């Protein structure tokens, strides 16, 4: 890879990392608050992407506004997050709260398989895309290289805003502080009058929206096909494992690390592109078995 291609690789890497982070942030949030590794999280990404692509394809012939098409991505993500998050939290997650961790994992895996089948029933096997959003937002020229406005600006800014909003919610709102308290000790939080069921519901719906938003933001630059949710599930687990379970800021840094190195590999060593996230994860876990940003805690007896 020549130095001329490095800026392009960095832009691609940051855009890809932003999508990874949106999905990983939701996965990290659910584990941090509820102690559940939600294998079904990748299905939220797929549903968000398909719903966003369908909505954009419906609106595109009726409007010339790129802003309206971009807003459609958010509407689709919120709708999917609210609907799927509410249904899954009520039917599966709430009832599994006191189950063995392995049973929770298997339960969410079963939920993932069901959602994958429903996805195929609704959208079939043909690829879906919302590329009209990218086309209408135009390009930006930096030097001799032309970048799409969507990848250079829109995707990274959206991911950053989602992170800032989540941090503000957790640190500066009453419900957010109750969520943090539940994360540290669910039993003590409940004894202090915090409604753990309400916290669990809100947490899961927000996490589902983040996963769906990741899919919605990917729809303009990716052809969505069956199996997209599986791929994102594995990748987001690699990010979370690299960062450390429950580490939201760590997931941001790990996403950037994986995204940028993967993008460089696309240009420098294409044969390693798919393996790069997992190579990074394995190297990190060999050195720090609990992830880069997990703080060791004293054992209590």
C-alpha atoms as a PDB file:
ATOM      1  CA  UNK A   1       0.000   0.000   0.000  1.00  0.00           C
ATOM      2  CA  UNK A   2       1.352   3.427  -0.972  1.00  0.00           C
ATOM      3  CA  UNK A   3       1.180   6.477   1.287  1.00  0.00           C
ATOM      4  CA  UNK A   4      -1.253   8.044  -1.189  1.00  0.00           C
ATOM      5  CA  UNK A   5      -3.834   5.456  -0.188  1.00  0.00           C
ATOM      6  CA  UNK A   6      -3.358   5.926   3.566  1.00  0.00           C
ATOM      7  CA  UNK A   7      -5.903   8.804   3.915  1.00  0.00           C
ATOM      8  CA  UNK A   8      -8.495   6.741   2.048  1.00  0.00           C
ATOM      9  CA  UNK A   9      -7.799   3.747   4.278  1.00  0.00           C
ATOM     10  CA  UNK A  10      -8.155   5.908   7.395  1.00  0.00           C
ATOM     11  CA  UNK A  11     -11.509   7.305   6.243  1.00  0.00           C
ATOM     12  CA  UNK A  12     -12.764   3.812   5.433  1.00  0.00           C
ATOM     13  CA  UNK A  13     -11.463   2.562   8.768  1.00  0.00           C
ATOM     14  CA  UNK A  14     -13.099   5.282  10.845  1.00  0.00           C
ATOM     15  CA  UNK A  15     -16.429   4.841   9.028  1.00  0.00           C
ATOM     16  CA  UNK A  16     -16.312   1.079   9.541  1.00  0.00           C
ATOM     17  CA  UNK A  17     -15.264   1.527  13.177  1.00  0.00           C
ATOM     18  CA  UNK A  18     -18.218   3.869  13.728  1.00  0.00           C
ATOM     19  CA  UNK A  19     -20.675   1.203  12.598  1.00  0.00           C
ATOM     20  CA  UNK A  20     -18.918  -1.415  14.723  1.00  0.00           C
ATOM     21  CA  UNK A  21     -19.049   0.881  17.737  1.00  0.00           C
ATOM     22  CA  UNK A  22     -22.773   1.602  17.408  1.00  0.00           C
ATOM     23  CA  UNK A  23     -23.524  -2.114  17.547  1.00  0.00           C
ATOM     24  CA  UNK A  24     -20.895  -2.926  20.184  1.00  0.00           C
ATOM     25  CA  UNK A  25     -22.096  -0.093  22.417  1.00  0.00           C
ATOM     26  CA  UNK A  26     -25.517  -1.735  22.727  1.00  0.00           C
ATOM     27  CA  UNK A  27     -24.014  -5.160  23.373  1.00  0.00           C
ATOM     28  CA  UNK A  28     -21.729  -3.689  26.046  1.00  0.00           C
ATOM     29  CA  UNK A  29     -24.590  -1.799  27.699  1.00  0.00           C
ATOM     30  CA  UNK A  30     -26.754  -4.904  28.060  1.00  0.00           C
ATOM     31  CA  UNK A  31     -23.915  -6.928  29.546  1.00  0.00           C
ATOM     32  CA  UNK A  32     -22.894  -4.144  31.915  1.00  0.00           C
ATOM     33  CA  UNK A  33     -26.388  -3.623  33.319  1.00  0.00           C
ATOM     34  CA  UNK A  34     -28.018  -7.030  32.959  1.00  0.00           C
ATOM     35  CA  UNK A  35     -25.075  -9.429  32.842  1.00  0.00           C
ATOM     36  CA  UNK A  36     -26.324 -10.969  29.585  1.00  0.00           C
ATOM     37  CA  UNK A  37     -24.211 -11.663  26.504  1.00  0.00           C
ATOM     38  CA  UNK A  38     -26.953 -11.084  23.958  1.00  0.00           C
ATOM     39  CA  UNK A  39     -26.209 -13.276  20.937  1.00  0.00           C
ATOM     40  CA  UNK A  40     -29.371 -11.925  19.276  1.00  0.00           C
ATOM     41  CA  UNK A  41     -27.869  -8.440  19.076  1.00  0.00           C
ATOM     42  CA  UNK A  42     -26.677  -8.943  15.497  1.00  0.00           C
ATOM     43  CA  UNK A  43     -30.272  -9.591  14.438  1.00  0.00           C
ATOM     44  CA  UNK A  44     -31.168  -6.068  15.586  1.00  0.00           C
ATOM     45  CA  UNK A  45     -28.464  -4.761  13.263  1.00  0.00           C
ATOM     46  CA  UNK A  46     -29.944  -6.729  10.362  1.00  0.00           C
ATOM     47  CA  UNK A  47     -33.529  -5.676  11.097  1.00  0.00           C
ATOM     48  CA  UNK A  48     -32.465  -2.045  11.415  1.00  0.00           C
ATOM     49  CA  UNK A  49     -30.637  -2.215   8.098  1.00  0.00           C
ATOM     50  CA  UNK A  50     -33.458  -3.898   6.211  1.00  0.00           C
ATOM     51  CA  UNK A  51     -36.104  -1.594   7.685  1.00  0.00           C
ATOM     52  CA  UNK A  52     -34.034   1.500   6.869  1.00  0.00           C
ATOM     53  CA  UNK A  53     -33.359   0.338   3.307  1.00  0.00           C
ATOM     54  CA  UNK A  54     -37.043  -0.423   2.757  1.00  0.00           C
ATOM     55  CA  UNK A  55     -38.100   2.975   4.128  1.00  0.00           C
ATOM     56  CA  UNK A  56     -35.545   4.859   2.024  1.00  0.00           C
ATOM     57  CA  UNK A  57     -36.532   2.933  -1.106  1.00  0.00           C
ATOM     58  CA  UNK A  58     -40.147   3.904  -0.415  1.00  0.00           C
ATOM     59  CA  UNK A  59     -39.369   7.597   0.182  1.00  0.00           C
ATOM     60  CA  UNK A  60     -36.699   8.187  -2.479  1.00  0.00           C
ATOM     61  CA  UNK A  61     -39.100   8.546  -5.453  1.00  0.00           C
ATOM     62  CA  UNK A  62     -41.294  10.922  -3.437  1.00  0.00           C
ATOM     63  CA  UNK A  63     -38.720  13.475  -2.238  1.00  0.00           C
ATOM     64  CA  UNK A  64     -35.528  15.207  -3.353  1.00  0.00           C
ATOM     65  CA  UNK A  65     -34.410  15.992   0.197  1.00  0.00           C
ATOM     66  CA  UNK A  66     -31.282  14.145   1.403  1.00  0.00           C
ATOM     67  CA  UNK A  67     -32.109  15.268   4.952  1.00  0.00           C
ATOM     68  CA  UNK A  68     -35.472  13.508   4.831  1.00  0.00           C
ATOM     69  CA  UNK A  69     -33.884  10.315   3.549  1.00  0.00           C
ATOM     70  CA  UNK A  70     -31.234  10.497   6.263  1.00  0.00           C
ATOM     71  CA  UNK A  71     -33.940  11.052   8.882  1.00  0.00           C
ATOM     72  CA  UNK A  72     -35.632   7.907   7.600  1.00  0.00           C
ATOM     73  CA  UNK A  73     -32.630   5.908   8.826  1.00  0.00           C
ATOM     74  CA  UNK A  74     -33.221   7.144  12.378  1.00  0.00           C
ATOM     75  CA  UNK A  75     -36.966   6.578  12.221  1.00  0.00           C
ATOM     76  CA  UNK A  76     -36.408   2.993  11.089  1.00  0.00           C
ATOM     77  CA  UNK A  77     -33.827   2.362  13.829  1.00  0.00           C
ATOM     78  CA  UNK A  78     -36.045   3.777  16.585  1.00  0.00           C
ATOM     79  CA  UNK A  79     -39.079   1.830  15.355  1.00  0.00           C
ATOM     80  CA  UNK A  80     -37.161  -1.442  15.157  1.00  0.00           C
ATOM     81  CA  UNK A  81     -35.479  -0.846  18.510  1.00  0.00           C
ATOM     82  CA  UNK A  82     -38.711  -0.023  20.302  1.00  0.00           C
ATOM     83  CA  UNK A  83     -40.660  -2.918  18.788  1.00  0.00           C
ATOM     84  CA  UNK A  84     -38.057  -5.698  18.896  1.00  0.00           C
ATOM     85  CA  UNK A  85     -36.520  -4.509  22.154  1.00  0.00           C
ATOM     86  CA  UNK A  86     -39.871  -4.425  23.942  1.00  0.00           C
ATOM     87  CA  UNK A  87     -40.957  -7.832  22.652  1.00  0.00           C
ATOM     88  CA  UNK A  88     -37.673  -9.598  23.397  1.00  0.00           C
ATOM     89  CA  UNK A  89     -37.223  -7.991  26.797  1.00  0.00           C
ATOM     90  CA  UNK A  90     -40.726  -9.000  27.891  1.00  0.00           C
ATOM     91  CA  UNK A  91     -40.805 -12.493  26.403  1.00  0.00           C
ATOM     92  CA  UNK A  92     -37.205 -13.624  26.915  1.00  0.00           C
ATOM     93  CA  UNK A  93     -34.828 -11.368  28.814  1.00  0.00           C
ATOM     94  CA  UNK A  94     -37.017 -10.515  31.801  1.00  0.00           C
ATOM     95  CA  UNK A  95     -37.815 -14.159  32.433  1.00  0.00           C
ATOM     96  CA  UNK A  96     -34.179 -15.195  32.098  1.00  0.00           C
ATOM     97  CA  UNK A  97     -32.756 -12.689  34.565  1.00  0.00           C
ATOM     98  CA  UNK A  98     -32.121 -15.283  37.270  1.00  0.00           C
ATOM     99  CA  UNK A  99     -31.100 -18.093  34.923  1.00  0.00           C
ATOM    100  CA  UNK A 100     -27.632 -19.578  34.716  1.00  0.00           C
ATOM    101  CA  UNK A 101     -25.403 -17.506  32.356  1.00  0.00           C
ATOM    102  CA  UNK A 102     -25.115 -20.429  29.922  1.00  0.00           C
ATOM    103  CA  UNK A 103     -28.907 -20.717  29.735  1.00  0.00           C
ATOM    104  CA  UNK A 104     -29.156 -16.973  29.077  1.00  0.00           C
ATOM    105  CA  UNK A 105     -26.669 -17.336  26.252  1.00  0.00           C
ATOM    106  CA  UNK A 106     -28.604 -20.244  24.734  1.00  0.00           C
ATOM    107  CA  UNK A 107     -31.885 -18.376  25.104  1.00  0.00           C
ATOM    108  CA  UNK A 108     -30.611 -15.337  23.225  1.00  0.00           C
ATOM    109  CA  UNK A 109     -29.124 -17.641  20.591  1.00  0.00           C
ATOM    110  CA  UNK A 110     -32.570 -19.171  20.107  1.00  0.00           C
ATOM    111  CA  UNK A 111     -33.991 -15.662  19.803  1.00  0.00           C
ATOM    112  CA  UNK A 112     -31.378 -14.868  17.174  1.00  0.00           C
ATOM    113  CA  UNK A 113     -32.333 -17.917  15.087  1.00  0.00           C
ATOM    114  CA  UNK A 114     -36.016 -16.976  15.242  1.00  0.00           C
ATOM    115  CA  UNK A 115     -35.298 -13.395  14.196  1.00  0.00           C
ATOM    116  CA  UNK A 116     -33.123 -14.619  11.319  1.00  0.00           C
ATOM    117  CA  UNK A 117     -36.023 -16.724  10.014  1.00  0.00           C
ATOM    118  CA  UNK A 118     -38.473 -13.839  10.401  1.00  0.00           C
ATOM    119  CA  UNK A 119     -36.043 -11.598   8.519  1.00  0.00           C
ATOM    120  CA  UNK A 120     -35.939 -14.051   5.612  1.00  0.00           C
ATOM    121  CA  UNK A 121     -39.741 -14.280   5.589  1.00  0.00           C
ATOM    122  CA  UNK A 122     -40.107 -10.490   5.424  1.00  0.00           C
ATOM    123  CA  UNK A 123     -37.324  -9.552   3.005  1.00  0.00           C
ATOM    124  CA  UNK A 124     -36.355 -12.758   1.239  1.00  0.00           C
ATOM    125  CA  UNK A 125     -32.856 -13.435  -0.061  1.00  0.00           C
ATOM    126  CA  UNK A 126     -32.423 -10.488  -2.429  1.00  0.00           C
ATOM    127  CA  UNK A 127     -29.969  -7.741  -1.382  1.00  0.00           C
ATOM    128  CA  UNK A 128     -31.313  -4.453  -0.011  1.00  0.00           C
ATOM    129  CA  UNK A 129     -29.521  -1.105   0.047  1.00  0.00           C
ATOM    130  CA  UNK A 130     -30.258   2.551   0.799  1.00  0.00           C
ATOM    131  CA  UNK A 131     -27.530   3.904  -1.495  1.00  0.00           C
ATOM    132  CA  UNK A 132     -29.704   6.866  -2.517  1.00  0.00           C
ATOM    133  CA  UNK A 133     -28.770   8.509   0.805  1.00  0.00           C
ATOM    134  CA  UNK A 134     -25.071   8.500  -0.150  1.00  0.00           C
ATOM    135  CA  UNK A 135     -25.785   9.740  -3.669  1.00  0.00           C
ATOM    136  CA  UNK A 136     -27.854  12.702  -2.527  1.00  0.00           C
ATOM    137  CA  UNK A 137     -25.490  13.799   0.228  1.00  0.00           C
ATOM    138  CA  UNK A 138     -22.748  14.189  -2.373  1.00  0.00           C
ATOM    139  CA  UNK A 139     -18.970  14.149  -2.084  1.00  0.00           C
ATOM    140  CA  UNK A 140     -16.174  16.124  -0.452  1.00  0.00           C
ATOM    141  CA  UNK A 141     -12.814  16.655  -2.156  1.00  0.00           C
ATOM    142  CA  UNK A 142      -9.693  16.731   0.009  1.00  0.00           C
ATOM    143  CA  UNK A 143      -6.603  17.194  -2.105  1.00  0.00           C
ATOM    144  CA  UNK A 144      -6.734  14.794  -5.009  1.00  0.00           C
ATOM    145  CA  UNK A 145      -9.088  12.342  -3.316  1.00  0.00           C
ATOM    146  CA  UNK A 146     -12.879  12.457  -3.378  1.00  0.00           C
ATOM    147  CA  UNK A 147     -14.718  11.104  -0.345  1.00  0.00           C
ATOM    148  CA  UNK A 148     -18.422  10.596   0.138  1.00  0.00           C
ATOM    149  CA  UNK A 149     -19.890  13.043   2.644  1.00  0.00           C
ATOM    150  CA  UNK A 150     -21.716  10.146   4.221  1.00  0.00           C
ATOM    151  CA  UNK A 151     -18.614   8.131   5.117  1.00  0.00           C
ATOM    152  CA  UNK A 152     -16.315  11.061   5.864  1.00  0.00           C
ATOM    153  CA  UNK A 153     -18.680  13.065   8.068  1.00  0.00           C
ATOM    154  CA  UNK A 154     -22.131  11.610   8.656  1.00  0.00           C
ATOM    155  CA  UNK A 155     -21.326   8.124   9.958  1.00  0.00           C
ATOM    156  CA  UNK A 156     -18.511   9.116  12.381  1.00  0.00           C
ATOM    157  CA  UNK A 157     -20.458  12.124  13.705  1.00  0.00           C
ATOM    158  CA  UNK A 158     -23.558   9.984  14.258  1.00  0.00           C
ATOM    159  CA  UNK A 159     -21.585   7.394  16.229  1.00  0.00           C
ATOM    160  CA  UNK A 160     -19.901  10.108  18.297  1.00  0.00           C
ATOM    161  CA  UNK A 161     -23.232  11.796  19.050  1.00  0.00           C
ATOM    162  CA  UNK A 162     -24.727   8.459  20.096  1.00  0.00           C
ATOM    163  CA  UNK A 163     -21.800   7.929  22.477  1.00  0.00           C
ATOM    164  CA  UNK A 164     -22.079  11.446  23.946  1.00  0.00           C
ATOM    165  CA  UNK A 165     -25.845  11.086  24.403  1.00  0.00           C
ATOM    166  CA  UNK A 166     -25.456   7.717  26.129  1.00  0.00           C
ATOM    167  CA  UNK A 167     -22.744   9.038  28.450  1.00  0.00           C
ATOM    168  CA  UNK A 168     -24.885  12.081  29.272  1.00  0.00           C
ATOM    169  CA  UNK A 169     -27.848   9.826  30.001  1.00  0.00           C
ATOM    170  CA  UNK A 170     -25.828   7.571  32.300  1.00  0.00           C
ATOM    171  CA  UNK A 171     -24.036  10.358  34.169  1.00  0.00           C
ATOM    172  CA  UNK A 172     -26.490  13.248  34.332  1.00  0.00           C
ATOM    173  CA  UNK A 173     -30.043  11.885  34.441  1.00  0.00           C
ATOM    174  CA  UNK A 174     -31.852  10.245  37.335  1.00  0.00           C
ATOM    175  CA  UNK A 175     -32.736   7.161  35.318  1.00  0.00           C
ATOM    176  CA  UNK A 176     -29.171   6.939  34.032  1.00  0.00           C
ATOM    177  CA  UNK A 177     -27.708   7.115  37.537  1.00  0.00           C
ATOM    178  CA  UNK A 178     -30.121   4.397  38.625  1.00  0.00           C
ATOM    179  CA  UNK A 179     -28.894   2.340  35.676  1.00  0.00           C
ATOM    180  CA  UNK A 180     -25.273   2.766  36.786  1.00  0.00           C
ATOM    181  CA  UNK A 181     -26.226   1.817  40.350  1.00  0.00           C
ATOM    182  CA  UNK A 182     -27.933  -1.323  39.062  1.00  0.00           C
ATOM    183  CA  UNK A 183     -24.783  -2.144  37.096  1.00  0.00           C
ATOM    184  CA  UNK A 184     -22.639  -2.070  40.243  1.00  0.00           C
ATOM    185  CA  UNK A 185     -24.996  -4.088  42.458  1.00  0.00           C
ATOM    186  CA  UNK A 186     -28.477  -5.082  41.361  1.00  0.00           C
ATOM    187  CA  UNK A 187     -29.554  -6.403  44.774  1.00  0.00           C
ATOM    188  CA  UNK A 188     -28.478  -3.288  46.680  1.00  0.00           C
ATOM    189  CA  UNK A 189     -30.059  -1.027  44.057  1.00  0.00           C
ATOM    190  CA  UNK A 190     -33.339  -2.914  44.395  1.00  0.00           C
ATOM    191  CA  UNK A 191     -33.215  -2.660  48.185  1.00  0.00           C
ATOM    192  CA  UNK A 192     -32.850   1.124  47.832  1.00  0.00           C
ATOM    193  CA  UNK A 193     -36.102   1.321  45.898  1.00  0.00           C
ATOM    194  CA  UNK A 194     -34.787   1.276  42.328  1.00  0.00           C
ATOM    195  CA  UNK A 195     -37.126  -0.546  39.951  1.00  0.00           C
ATOM    196  CA  UNK A 196     -34.715  -3.060  38.420  1.00  0.00           C
ATOM    197  CA  UNK A 197     -37.319  -4.334  35.941  1.00  0.00           C
ATOM    198  CA  UNK A 198     -37.844  -0.818  34.598  1.00  0.00           C
ATOM    199  CA  UNK A 199     -34.092  -0.272  34.350  1.00  0.00           C
ATOM    200  CA  UNK A 200     -33.707  -3.568  32.523  1.00  0.00           C
ATOM    201  CA  UNK A 201     -36.442  -2.685  30.042  1.00  0.00           C
ATOM    202  CA  UNK A 202     -35.056   0.781  29.289  1.00  0.00           C
ATOM    203  CA  UNK A 203     -31.517  -0.578  28.980  1.00  0.00           C
ATOM    204  CA  UNK A 204     -32.506  -3.343  26.600  1.00  0.00           C
ATOM    205  CA  UNK A 205     -34.601  -1.067  24.379  1.00  0.00           C
ATOM    206  CA  UNK A 206     -31.781   1.507  24.163  1.00  0.00           C
ATOM    207  CA  UNK A 207     -29.307  -1.260  23.311  1.00  0.00           C
ATOM    208  CA  UNK A 208     -31.651  -2.621  20.648  1.00  0.00           C
ATOM    209  CA  UNK A 209     -32.000   0.860  19.149  1.00  0.00           C
ATOM    210  CA  UNK A 210     -28.212   1.200  19.014  1.00  0.00           C
ATOM    211  CA  UNK A 211     -27.886  -2.141  17.241  1.00  0.00           C
ATOM    212  CA  UNK A 212     -30.649  -1.185  14.802  1.00  0.00           C
ATOM    213  CA  UNK A 213     -29.032   2.223  14.272  1.00  0.00           C
ATOM    214  CA  UNK A 214     -25.793   0.491  13.335  1.00  0.00           C
ATOM    215  CA  UNK A 215     -27.664  -1.487  10.692  1.00  0.00           C
ATOM    216  CA  UNK A 216     -29.558   1.579   9.474  1.00  0.00           C
ATOM    217  CA  UNK A 217     -26.318   3.557   9.104  1.00  0.00           C
ATOM    218  CA  UNK A 218     -24.727   0.643   7.245  1.00  0.00           C
ATOM    219  CA  UNK A 219     -27.622   0.312   4.781  1.00  0.00           C
ATOM    220  CA  UNK A 220     -26.537   3.213   2.491  1.00  0.00           C
ATOM    221  CA  UNK A 221     -23.057   1.744   1.954  1.00  0.00           C
ATOM    222  CA  UNK A 222     -23.712  -1.993   2.269  1.00  0.00           C
ATOM    223  CA  UNK A 223     -25.847  -4.506   0.412  1.00  0.00           C
ATOM    224  CA  UNK A 224     -27.807  -6.273   3.125  1.00  0.00           C
ATOM    225  CA  UNK A 225     -28.140 -10.008   2.566  1.00  0.00           C
ATOM    226  CA  UNK A 226     -29.097 -12.955   4.797  1.00  0.00           C
ATOM    227  CA  UNK A 227     -26.271 -13.580   7.240  1.00  0.00           C
ATOM    228  CA  UNK A 228     -25.433  -9.911   7.811  1.00  0.00           C
ATOM    229  CA  UNK A 229     -26.599 -10.216  11.406  1.00  0.00           C
ATOM    230  CA  UNK A 230     -24.367 -13.227  12.018  1.00  0.00           C
ATOM    231  CA  UNK A 231     -21.289 -11.425  10.733  1.00  0.00           C
ATOM    232  CA  UNK A 232     -21.969  -8.371  12.882  1.00  0.00           C
ATOM    233  CA  UNK A 233     -22.626 -10.481  15.972  1.00  0.00           C
ATOM    234  CA  UNK A 234     -19.198 -12.087  15.693  1.00  0.00           C
ATOM    235  CA  UNK A 235     -17.455  -8.776  14.956  1.00  0.00           C
ATOM    236  CA  UNK A 236     -19.148  -6.946  17.824  1.00  0.00           C
ATOM    237  CA  UNK A 237     -18.178  -9.755  20.205  1.00  0.00           C
ATOM    238  CA  UNK A 238     -14.583  -9.334  19.023  1.00  0.00           C
ATOM    239  CA  UNK A 239     -14.770  -5.612  19.841  1.00  0.00           C
ATOM    240  CA  UNK A 240     -16.335  -6.207  23.257  1.00  0.00           C
ATOM    241  CA  UNK A 241     -13.807  -8.917  24.132  1.00  0.00           C
ATOM    242  CA  UNK A 242     -10.925  -6.682  23.048  1.00  0.00           C
ATOM    243  CA  UNK A 243     -12.198  -3.738  25.097  1.00  0.00           C
ATOM    244  CA  UNK A 244     -13.369  -5.705  28.112  1.00  0.00           C
ATOM    245  CA  UNK A 245     -16.933  -6.634  28.988  1.00  0.00           C
ATOM    246  CA  UNK A 246     -19.046  -3.666  30.069  1.00  0.00           C
ATOM    247  CA  UNK A 247     -16.533  -1.004  28.928  1.00  0.00           C
ATOM    248  CA  UNK A 248     -18.373   1.507  26.704  1.00  0.00           C
ATOM    249  CA  UNK A 249     -15.464   3.926  26.229  1.00  0.00           C
ATOM    250  CA  UNK A 250     -13.189   0.938  25.778  1.00  0.00           C
ATOM    251  CA  UNK A 251     -15.485  -0.319  23.008  1.00  0.00           C
ATOM    252  CA  UNK A 252     -15.042   3.029  21.236  1.00  0.00           C
ATOM    253  CA  UNK A 253     -11.253   2.718  21.277  1.00  0.00           C
ATOM    254  CA  UNK A 254     -11.310  -0.983  20.380  1.00  0.00           C
ATOM    255  CA  UNK A 255     -13.640  -0.272  17.442  1.00  0.00           C
ATOM    256  CA  UNK A 256     -11.252   2.376  16.129  1.00  0.00           C
ATOM    257  CA  UNK A 257      -8.290   0.043  16.569  1.00  0.00           C
ATOM    258  CA  UNK A 258      -9.968  -2.828  14.740  1.00  0.00           C
ATOM    259  CA  UNK A 259     -11.614  -0.653  12.086  1.00  0.00           C
ATOM    260  CA  UNK A 260      -8.500   1.271  11.087  1.00  0.00           C
ATOM    261  CA  UNK A 261      -6.157  -1.740  11.068  1.00  0.00           C
ATOM    262  CA  UNK A 262      -8.706  -3.738   9.063  1.00  0.00           C
ATOM    263  CA  UNK A 263      -9.025  -0.922   6.509  1.00  0.00           C
ATOM    264  CA  UNK A 264      -5.247  -0.732   6.128  1.00  0.00           C
ATOM    265  CA  UNK A 265      -5.194  -4.505   5.638  1.00  0.00           C
ATOM    266  CA  UNK A 266      -7.746  -4.162   2.812  1.00  0.00           C
ATOM    267  CA  UNK A 267      -5.189  -2.133   0.847  1.00  0.00           C
ATOM    268  CA  UNK A 268      -1.954  -3.697   2.104  1.00  0.00           C
ATOM    269  CA  UNK A 269      -2.850  -7.374   2.627  1.00  0.00           C
ATOM    270  CA  UNK A 270      -6.391  -8.147   1.384  1.00  0.00           C
ATOM    271  CA  UNK A 271      -6.078 -11.814   2.266  1.00  0.00           C
ATOM    272  CA  UNK A 272      -5.914 -10.853   5.979  1.00  0.00           C
ATOM    273  CA  UNK A 273      -8.904  -8.492   5.973  1.00  0.00           C
ATOM    274  CA  UNK A 274     -11.406 -10.938   7.471  1.00  0.00           C
ATOM    275  CA  UNK A 275      -8.944 -12.294  10.034  1.00  0.00           C
ATOM    276  CA  UNK A 276      -7.645  -8.931  11.330  1.00  0.00           C
ATOM    277  CA  UNK A 277     -10.351  -8.283  14.000  1.00  0.00           C
ATOM    278  CA  UNK A 278      -9.854 -11.738  15.477  1.00  0.00           C
ATOM    279  CA  UNK A 279      -6.063 -11.565  15.334  1.00  0.00           C
ATOM    280  CA  UNK A 280      -6.234  -8.310  17.308  1.00  0.00           C
ATOM    281  CA  UNK A 281      -8.668  -9.859  19.787  1.00  0.00           C
ATOM    282  CA  UNK A 282      -6.485 -12.934  20.347  1.00  0.00           C
ATOM    283  CA  UNK A 283      -3.308 -10.875  20.807  1.00  0.00           C
ATOM    284  CA  UNK A 284      -5.040  -8.597  23.314  1.00  0.00           C
ATOM    285  CA  UNK A 285      -6.544 -11.490  25.287  1.00  0.00           C
ATOM    286  CA  UNK A 286      -3.175 -13.251  25.474  1.00  0.00           C
ATOM    287  CA  UNK A 287      -1.677 -10.150  27.106  1.00  0.00           C
ATOM    288  CA  UNK A 288      -4.769  -8.999  29.025  1.00  0.00           C
ATOM    289  CA  UNK A 289      -7.245 -11.879  29.447  1.00  0.00           C
ATOM    290  CA  UNK A 290     -10.060  -9.575  30.606  1.00  0.00           C
ATOM    291  CA  UNK A 291      -9.645  -7.032  27.799  1.00  0.00           C
ATOM    292  CA  UNK A 292      -7.731  -3.791  27.399  1.00  0.00           C
ATOM    293  CA  UNK A 293      -9.837  -1.629  29.698  1.00  0.00           C
ATOM    294  CA  UNK A 294     -11.201  -3.963  32.365  1.00  0.00           C
ATOM    295  CA  UNK A 295      -9.998  -2.947  35.821  1.00  0.00           C
ATOM    296  CA  UNK A 296      -9.029  -5.819  38.079  1.00  0.00           C
ATOM    297  CA  UNK A 297     -11.258  -6.077  41.142  1.00  0.00           C
ATOM    298  CA  UNK A 298     -10.497  -7.592  44.498  1.00  0.00           C
ATOM    299  CA  UNK A 299     -12.168 -10.918  45.114  1.00  0.00           C
ATOM    300  CA  UNK A 300     -14.861 -10.865  47.777  1.00  0.00           C
ATOM    301  CA  UNK A 301     -15.615 -13.852  50.009  1.00  0.00           C
END
